[in-house]
Amino acid sequence: MHEILFLVEDSPEGGYEARALGESIFTEADDLESLRQMIMDAVECHFEEMLRPKLIRLHFVREEVLAL
């Protein structure tokens, strides 16, 4: 695997949540810097060294609701 993609969203409780597409990896943190580190740690733990993706891509999803 060359790359893994995480969807990053605001957590309802505050902070951020990240979920990998195609893998069973989920993590959360209070701030973006901590989330980045948690994602890297989770990927390192999830994959054996030879199978570990070389790139981790973060896709930020933000939902906004407008009312008239």
PDB file of N, CA and C in Angstrom:
ATOM      1  N   MET A   1       0.852  -1.177   0.000  1.00  0.00           N
ATOM      2  CA  MET A   1       0.000   0.000   0.000  1.00  0.00           C
ATOM      3  C   MET A   1       0.895   1.236   0.000  1.00  0.00           C
ATOM      4  N   HIS A   2       0.606   2.127  -0.903  1.00  0.00           N
ATOM      5  CA  HIS A   2       1.421   3.330  -1.044  1.00  0.00           C
ATOM      6  C   HIS A   2       0.916   4.460  -0.152  1.00  0.00           C
ATOM      7  N   GLU A   3      -0.410   4.545   0.027  1.00  0.00           N
ATOM      8  CA  GLU A   3      -0.984   5.672   0.751  1.00  0.00           C
ATOM      9  C   GLU A   3      -2.263   5.242   1.447  1.00  0.00           C
ATOM     10  N   ILE A   4      -2.601   5.936   2.548  1.00  0.00           N
ATOM     11  CA  ILE A   4      -3.845   5.700   3.259  1.00  0.00           C
ATOM     12  C   ILE A   4      -4.531   7.052   3.440  1.00  0.00           C
ATOM     13  N   LEU A   5      -5.848   7.060   3.348  1.00  0.00           N
ATOM     14  CA  LEU A   5      -6.630   8.285   3.427  1.00  0.00           C
ATOM     15  C   LEU A   5      -7.481   8.277   4.688  1.00  0.00           C
ATOM     16  N   PHE A   6      -7.430   9.373   5.441  1.00  0.00           N
ATOM     17  CA  PHE A   6      -8.266   9.562   6.622  1.00  0.00           C
ATOM     18  C   PHE A   6      -9.240  10.699   6.382  1.00  0.00           C
ATOM     19  N   LEU A   7     -10.500  10.483   6.759  1.00  0.00           N
ATOM     20  CA  LEU A   7     -11.479  11.560   6.788  1.00  0.00           C
ATOM     21  C   LEU A   7     -11.430  12.169   8.178  1.00  0.00           C
ATOM     22  N   VAL A   8     -11.242  13.474   8.246  1.00  0.00           N
ATOM     23  CA  VAL A   8     -11.142  14.187   9.519  1.00  0.00           C
ATOM     24  C   VAL A   8     -12.358  15.095   9.650  1.00  0.00           C
ATOM     25  N   GLU A   9     -13.063  14.957  10.775  1.00  0.00           N
ATOM     26  CA  GLU A   9     -14.261  15.756  11.031  1.00  0.00           C
ATOM     27  C   GLU A   9     -14.209  16.340  12.429  1.00  0.00           C
ATOM     28  N   ASP A  10     -14.960  17.419  12.639  1.00  0.00           N
ATOM     29  CA  ASP A  10     -15.140  17.950  13.984  1.00  0.00           C
ATOM     30  C   ASP A  10     -15.907  16.922  14.798  1.00  0.00           C
ATOM     31  N   SER A  11     -15.495  16.708  16.026  1.00  0.00           N
ATOM     32  CA  SER A  11     -16.190  15.782  16.913  1.00  0.00           C
ATOM     33  C   SER A  11     -17.356  16.503  17.584  1.00  0.00           C
ATOM     34  N   PRO A  12     -18.494  15.841  17.744  1.00  0.00           N
ATOM     35  CA  PRO A  12     -19.629  16.471  18.434  1.00  0.00           C
ATOM     36  C   PRO A  12     -19.277  16.886  19.868  1.00  0.00           C
ATOM     37  N   GLU A  13     -18.337  16.179  20.484  1.00  0.00           N
ATOM     38  CA  GLU A  13     -17.936  16.481  21.859  1.00  0.00           C
ATOM     39  C   GLU A  13     -16.824  17.535  21.919  1.00  0.00           C
ATOM     40  N   GLY A  14     -16.378  18.018  20.770  1.00  0.00           N
ATOM     41  CA  GLY A  14     -15.244  18.937  20.702  1.00  0.00           C
ATOM     42  C   GLY A  14     -14.018  18.190  20.219  1.00  0.00           C
ATOM     43  N   GLY A  15     -13.097  18.886  19.616  1.00  0.00           N
ATOM     44  CA  GLY A  15     -11.914  18.242  19.062  1.00  0.00           C
ATOM     45  C   GLY A  15     -12.187  17.683  17.683  1.00  0.00           C
ATOM     46  N   TYR A  16     -11.454  16.620  17.335  1.00  0.00           N
ATOM     47  CA  TYR A  16     -11.525  16.054  15.988  1.00  0.00           C
ATOM     48  C   TYR A  16     -11.558  14.538  16.034  1.00  0.00           C
ATOM     49  N   GLU A  17     -12.162  13.954  14.993  1.00  0.00           N
ATOM     50  CA  GLU A  17     -12.197  12.507  14.804  1.00  0.00           C
ATOM     51  C   GLU A  17     -11.612  12.204  13.433  1.00  0.00           C
ATOM     52  N   ALA A  18     -10.904  11.079  13.324  1.00  0.00           N
ATOM     53  CA  ALA A  18     -10.328  10.672  12.039  1.00  0.00           C
ATOM     54  C   ALA A  18     -10.610   9.193  11.820  1.00  0.00           C
ATOM     55  N   ARG A  19     -11.071   8.866  10.611  1.00  0.00           N
ATOM     56  CA  ARG A  19     -11.392   7.487  10.253  1.00  0.00           C
ATOM     57  C   ARG A  19     -10.719   7.161   8.928  1.00  0.00           C
ATOM     58  N   ALA A  20      -9.996   6.037   8.897  1.00  0.00           N
ATOM     59  CA  ALA A  20      -9.324   5.609   7.671  1.00  0.00           C
ATOM     60  C   ALA A  20     -10.325   4.976   6.717  1.00  0.00           C
ATOM     61  N   LEU A  21     -10.174   5.250   5.439  1.00  0.00           N
ATOM     62  CA  LEU A  21     -11.013   4.605   4.426  1.00  0.00           C
ATOM     63  C   LEU A  21     -10.385   3.267   4.058  1.00  0.00           C
ATOM     64  N   GLY A  22     -11.171   2.212   4.140  1.00  0.00           N
ATOM     65  CA  GLY A  22     -10.701   0.890   3.747  1.00  0.00           C
ATOM     66  C   GLY A  22      -9.955   0.135   4.826  1.00  0.00           C
ATOM     67  N   GLU A  23      -9.783   0.728   5.989  1.00  0.00           N
ATOM     68  CA  GLU A  23      -9.104   0.071   7.106  1.00  0.00           C
ATOM     69  C   GLU A  23      -9.891   0.335   8.385  1.00  0.00           C
ATOM     70  N   SER A  24      -9.717  -0.508   9.373  1.00  0.00           N
ATOM     71  CA  SER A  24     -10.408  -0.349  10.657  1.00  0.00           C
ATOM     72  C   SER A  24      -9.549   0.483  11.606  1.00  0.00           C
ATOM     73  N   ILE A  25      -9.368   1.736  11.259  1.00  0.00           N
ATOM     74  CA  ILE A  25      -8.575   2.638  12.099  1.00  0.00           C
ATOM     75  C   ILE A  25      -9.419   3.873  12.389  1.00  0.00           C
ATOM     76  N   PHE A  26      -9.566   4.182  13.673  1.00  0.00           N
ATOM     77  CA  PHE A  26     -10.298   5.364  14.127  1.00  0.00           C
ATOM     78  C   PHE A  26      -9.529   5.959  15.289  1.00  0.00           C
ATOM     79  N   THR A  27      -9.408   7.276  15.300  1.00  0.00           N
ATOM     80  CA  THR A  27      -8.764   7.941  16.429  1.00  0.00           C
ATOM     81  C   THR A  27      -9.367   9.320  16.593  1.00  0.00           C
ATOM     82  N   GLU A  28      -9.114   9.927  17.743  1.00  0.00           N
ATOM     83  CA  GLU A  28      -9.632  11.257  18.020  1.00  0.00           C
ATOM     84  C   GLU A  28      -8.660  12.003  18.914  1.00  0.00           C
ATOM     85  N   ALA A  29      -8.760  13.344  18.889  1.00  0.00           N
ATOM     86  CA  ALA A  29      -7.887  14.177  19.707  1.00  0.00           C
ATOM     87  C   ALA A  29      -8.533  15.554  19.885  1.00  0.00           C
ATOM     88  N   ASP A  30      -7.997  16.307  20.845  1.00  0.00           N
ATOM     89  CA  ASP A  30      -8.544  17.630  21.151  1.00  0.00           C
ATOM     90  C   ASP A  30      -8.108  18.703  20.171  1.00  0.00           C
ATOM     91  N   ASP A  31      -6.932  18.544  19.553  1.00  0.00           N
ATOM     92  CA  ASP A  31      -6.433  19.553  18.620  1.00  0.00           C
ATOM     93  C   ASP A  31      -5.783  18.854  17.423  1.00  0.00           C
ATOM     94  N   LEU A  32      -5.532  19.621  16.369  1.00  0.00           N
ATOM     95  CA  LEU A  32      -5.027  19.037  15.126  1.00  0.00           C
ATOM     96  C   LEU A  32      -3.632  18.464  15.263  1.00  0.00           C
ATOM     97  N   GLU A  33      -2.767  19.119  16.006  1.00  0.00           N
ATOM     98  CA  GLU A  33      -1.405  18.598  16.169  1.00  0.00           C
ATOM     99  C   GLU A  33      -1.427  17.240  16.876  1.00  0.00           C
ATOM    100  N   SER A  34      -2.240  17.125  17.916  1.00  0.00           N
ATOM    101  CA  SER A  34      -2.379  15.846  18.618  1.00  0.00           C
ATOM    102  C   SER A  34      -3.014  14.796  17.724  1.00  0.00           C
ATOM    103  N   LEU A  35      -3.983  15.210  16.910  1.00  0.00           N
ATOM    104  CA  LEU A  35      -4.642  14.268  15.999  1.00  0.00           C
ATOM    105  C   LEU A  35      -3.644  13.715  14.984  1.00  0.00           C
ATOM    106  N   ARG A  36      -2.812  14.561  14.446  1.00  0.00           N
ATOM    107  CA  ARG A  36      -1.794  14.095  13.490  1.00  0.00           C
ATOM    108  C   ARG A  36      -0.905  13.028  14.125  1.00  0.00           C
ATOM    109  N   GLN A  37      -0.483  13.275  15.349  1.00  0.00           N
ATOM    110  CA  GLN A  37       0.373  12.305  16.039  1.00  0.00           C
ATOM    111  C   GLN A  37      -0.384  11.010  16.322  1.00  0.00           C
ATOM    112  N   MET A  38      -1.650  11.120  16.732  1.00  0.00           N
ATOM    113  CA  MET A  38      -2.470   9.931  17.008  1.00  0.00           C
ATOM    114  C   MET A  38      -2.660   9.104  15.735  1.00  0.00           C
ATOM    115  N   ILE A  39      -2.865   9.773  14.600  1.00  0.00           N
ATOM    116  CA  ILE A  39      -3.028   9.071  13.326  1.00  0.00           C
ATOM    117  C   ILE A  39      -1.743   8.327  12.971  1.00  0.00           C
ATOM    118  N   MET A  40      -0.614   8.989  13.101  1.00  0.00           N
ATOM    119  CA  MET A  40       0.658   8.335  12.779  1.00  0.00           C
ATOM    120  C   MET A  40       0.903   7.135  13.695  1.00  0.00           C
ATOM    121  N   ASP A  41       0.606   7.281  14.981  1.00  0.00           N
ATOM    122  CA  ASP A  41       0.758   6.161  15.926  1.00  0.00           C
ATOM    123  C   ASP A  41      -0.182   5.014  15.575  1.00  0.00           C
ATOM    124  N   ALA A  42      -1.434   5.340  15.219  1.00  0.00           N
ATOM    125  CA  ALA A  42      -2.416   4.307  14.885  1.00  0.00           C
ATOM    126  C   ALA A  42      -1.998   3.535  13.638  1.00  0.00           C
ATOM    127  N   VAL A  43      -1.502   4.238  12.625  1.00  0.00           N
ATOM    128  CA  VAL A  43      -1.052   3.574  11.393  1.00  0.00           C
ATOM    129  C   VAL A  43       0.148   2.683  11.694  1.00  0.00           C
ATOM    130  N   GLU A  44       1.057   3.172  12.506  1.00  0.00           N
ATOM    131  CA  GLU A  44       2.233   2.386  12.863  1.00  0.00           C
ATOM    132  C   GLU A  44       1.847   1.095  13.593  1.00  0.00           C
ATOM    133  N   CYS A  45       0.857   1.187  14.477  1.00  0.00           N
ATOM    134  CA  CYS A  45       0.411   0.004  15.226  1.00  0.00           C
ATOM    135  C   CYS A  45      -0.406  -0.962  14.360  1.00  0.00           C
ATOM    136  N   HIS A  46      -1.149  -0.427  13.405  1.00  0.00           N
ATOM    137  CA  HIS A  46      -2.073  -1.231  12.604  1.00  0.00           C
ATOM    138  C   HIS A  46      -1.352  -2.089  11.561  1.00  0.00           C
ATOM    139  N   PHE A  47      -0.279  -1.571  10.993  1.00  0.00           N
ATOM    140  CA  PHE A  47       0.413  -2.260   9.901  1.00  0.00           C
ATOM    141  C   PHE A  47       1.784  -2.763  10.343  1.00  0.00           C
ATOM    142  N   GLU A  48       2.168  -3.895   9.807  1.00  0.00           N
ATOM    143  CA  GLU A  48       3.546  -4.342   9.965  1.00  0.00           C
ATOM    144  C   GLU A  48       4.438  -3.399   9.149  1.00  0.00           C
ATOM    145  N   GLU A  49       5.686  -3.291   9.536  1.00  0.00           N
ATOM    146  CA  GLU A  49       6.582  -2.313   8.923  1.00  0.00           C
ATOM    147  C   GLU A  49       6.650  -2.436   7.401  1.00  0.00           C
ATOM    148  N   MET A  50       6.728  -3.640   6.879  1.00  0.00           N
ATOM    149  CA  MET A  50       6.853  -3.830   5.429  1.00  0.00           C
ATOM    150  C   MET A  50       5.554  -3.487   4.673  1.00  0.00           C
ATOM    151  N   LEU A  51       4.423  -3.513   5.353  1.00  0.00           N
ATOM    152  CA  LEU A  51       3.136  -3.247   4.711  1.00  0.00           C
ATOM    153  C   LEU A  51       2.622  -1.840   4.981  1.00  0.00           C
ATOM    154  N   ARG A  52       3.332  -1.079   5.783  1.00  0.00           N
ATOM    155  CA  ARG A  52       2.891   0.250   6.201  1.00  0.00           C
ATOM    156  C   ARG A  52       2.873   1.216   5.021  1.00  0.00           C
ATOM    157  N   PRO A  53       1.804   1.998   4.864  1.00  0.00           N
ATOM    158  CA  PRO A  53       1.760   2.995   3.785  1.00  0.00           C
ATOM    159  C   PRO A  53       2.847   4.046   3.972  1.00  0.00           C
ATOM    160  N   LYS A  54       3.347   4.545   2.869  1.00  0.00           N
ATOM    161  CA  LYS A  54       4.396   5.562   2.914  1.00  0.00           C
ATOM    162  C   LYS A  54       3.824   6.963   3.095  1.00  0.00           C
ATOM    163  N   LEU A  55       2.581   7.157   2.674  1.00  0.00           N
ATOM    164  CA  LEU A  55       1.923   8.455   2.780  1.00  0.00           C
ATOM    165  C   LEU A  55       0.615   8.324   3.562  1.00  0.00           C
ATOM    166  N   ILE A  56       0.346   9.319   4.382  1.00  0.00           N
ATOM    167  CA  ILE A  56      -0.928   9.417   5.083  1.00  0.00           C
ATOM    168  C   ILE A  56      -1.571  10.719   4.613  1.00  0.00           C
ATOM    169  N   ARG A  57      -2.717  10.605   3.987  1.00  0.00           N
ATOM    170  CA  ARG A  57      -3.421  11.778   3.468  1.00  0.00           C
ATOM    171  C   ARG A  57      -4.621  12.073   4.377  1.00  0.00           C
ATOM    172  N   LEU A  58      -4.774  13.342   4.759  1.00  0.00           N
ATOM    173  CA  LEU A  58      -5.899  13.760   5.587  1.00  0.00           C
ATOM    174  C   LEU A  58      -6.853  14.591   4.741  1.00  0.00           C
ATOM    175  N   HIS A  59      -8.111  14.189   4.751  1.00  0.00           N
ATOM    176  CA  HIS A  59      -9.153  14.923   4.029  1.00  0.00           C
ATOM    177  C   HIS A  59     -10.089  15.513   5.079  1.00  0.00           C
ATOM    178  N   PHE A  60     -10.091  16.839   5.183  1.00  0.00           N
ATOM    179  CA  PHE A  60     -10.894  17.521   6.195  1.00  0.00           C
ATOM    180  C   PHE A  60     -12.299  17.748   5.674  1.00  0.00           C
ATOM    181  N   VAL A  61     -13.284  17.310   6.446  1.00  0.00           N
ATOM    182  CA  VAL A  61     -14.696  17.443   6.088  1.00  0.00           C
ATOM    183  C   VAL A  61     -15.337  18.343   7.121  1.00  0.00           C
ATOM    184  N   ARG A  62     -15.905  19.419   6.679  1.00  0.00           N
ATOM    185  CA  ARG A  62     -16.564  20.355   7.598  1.00  0.00           C
ATOM    186  C   ARG A  62     -17.983  20.581   7.106  1.00  0.00           C
ATOM    187  N   GLU A  63     -18.915  20.396   7.994  1.00  0.00           N
ATOM    188  CA  GLU A  63     -20.322  20.612   7.652  1.00  0.00           C
ATOM    189  C   GLU A  63     -20.782  21.913   8.268  1.00  0.00           C
ATOM    190  N   GLU A  64     -21.440  22.733   7.451  1.00  0.00           N
ATOM    191  CA  GLU A  64     -22.018  23.982   7.942  1.00  0.00           C
ATOM    192  C   GLU A  64     -23.499  23.971   7.599  1.00  0.00           C
ATOM    193  N   VAL A  65     -24.304  24.466   8.512  1.00  0.00           N
ATOM    194  CA  VAL A  65     -25.740  24.536   8.308  1.00  0.00           C
ATOM    195  C   VAL A  65     -26.131  26.016   8.348  1.00  0.00           C
ATOM    196  N   LEU A  66     -26.812  26.433   7.304  1.00  0.00           N
ATOM    197  CA  LEU A  66     -27.307  27.799   7.228  1.00  0.00           C
ATOM    198  C   LEU A  66     -28.824  27.775   7.313  1.00  0.00           C
ATOM    199  N   ALA A  67     -29.382  28.674   8.096  1.00  0.00           N
ATOM    200  CA  ALA A  67     -30.843  28.759   8.220  1.00  0.00           C
ATOM    201  C   ALA A  67     -31.284  30.154   7.812  1.00  0.00           C
ATOM    202  N   LEU A  68     -32.402  30.198   7.162  1.00  0.00           N
ATOM    203  CA  LEU A  68     -32.971  31.491   6.736  1.00  0.00           C
ATOM    204  C   LEU A  68     -34.024  31.936   7.707  1.00  0.00           C
TER     205      LEU A  68
END
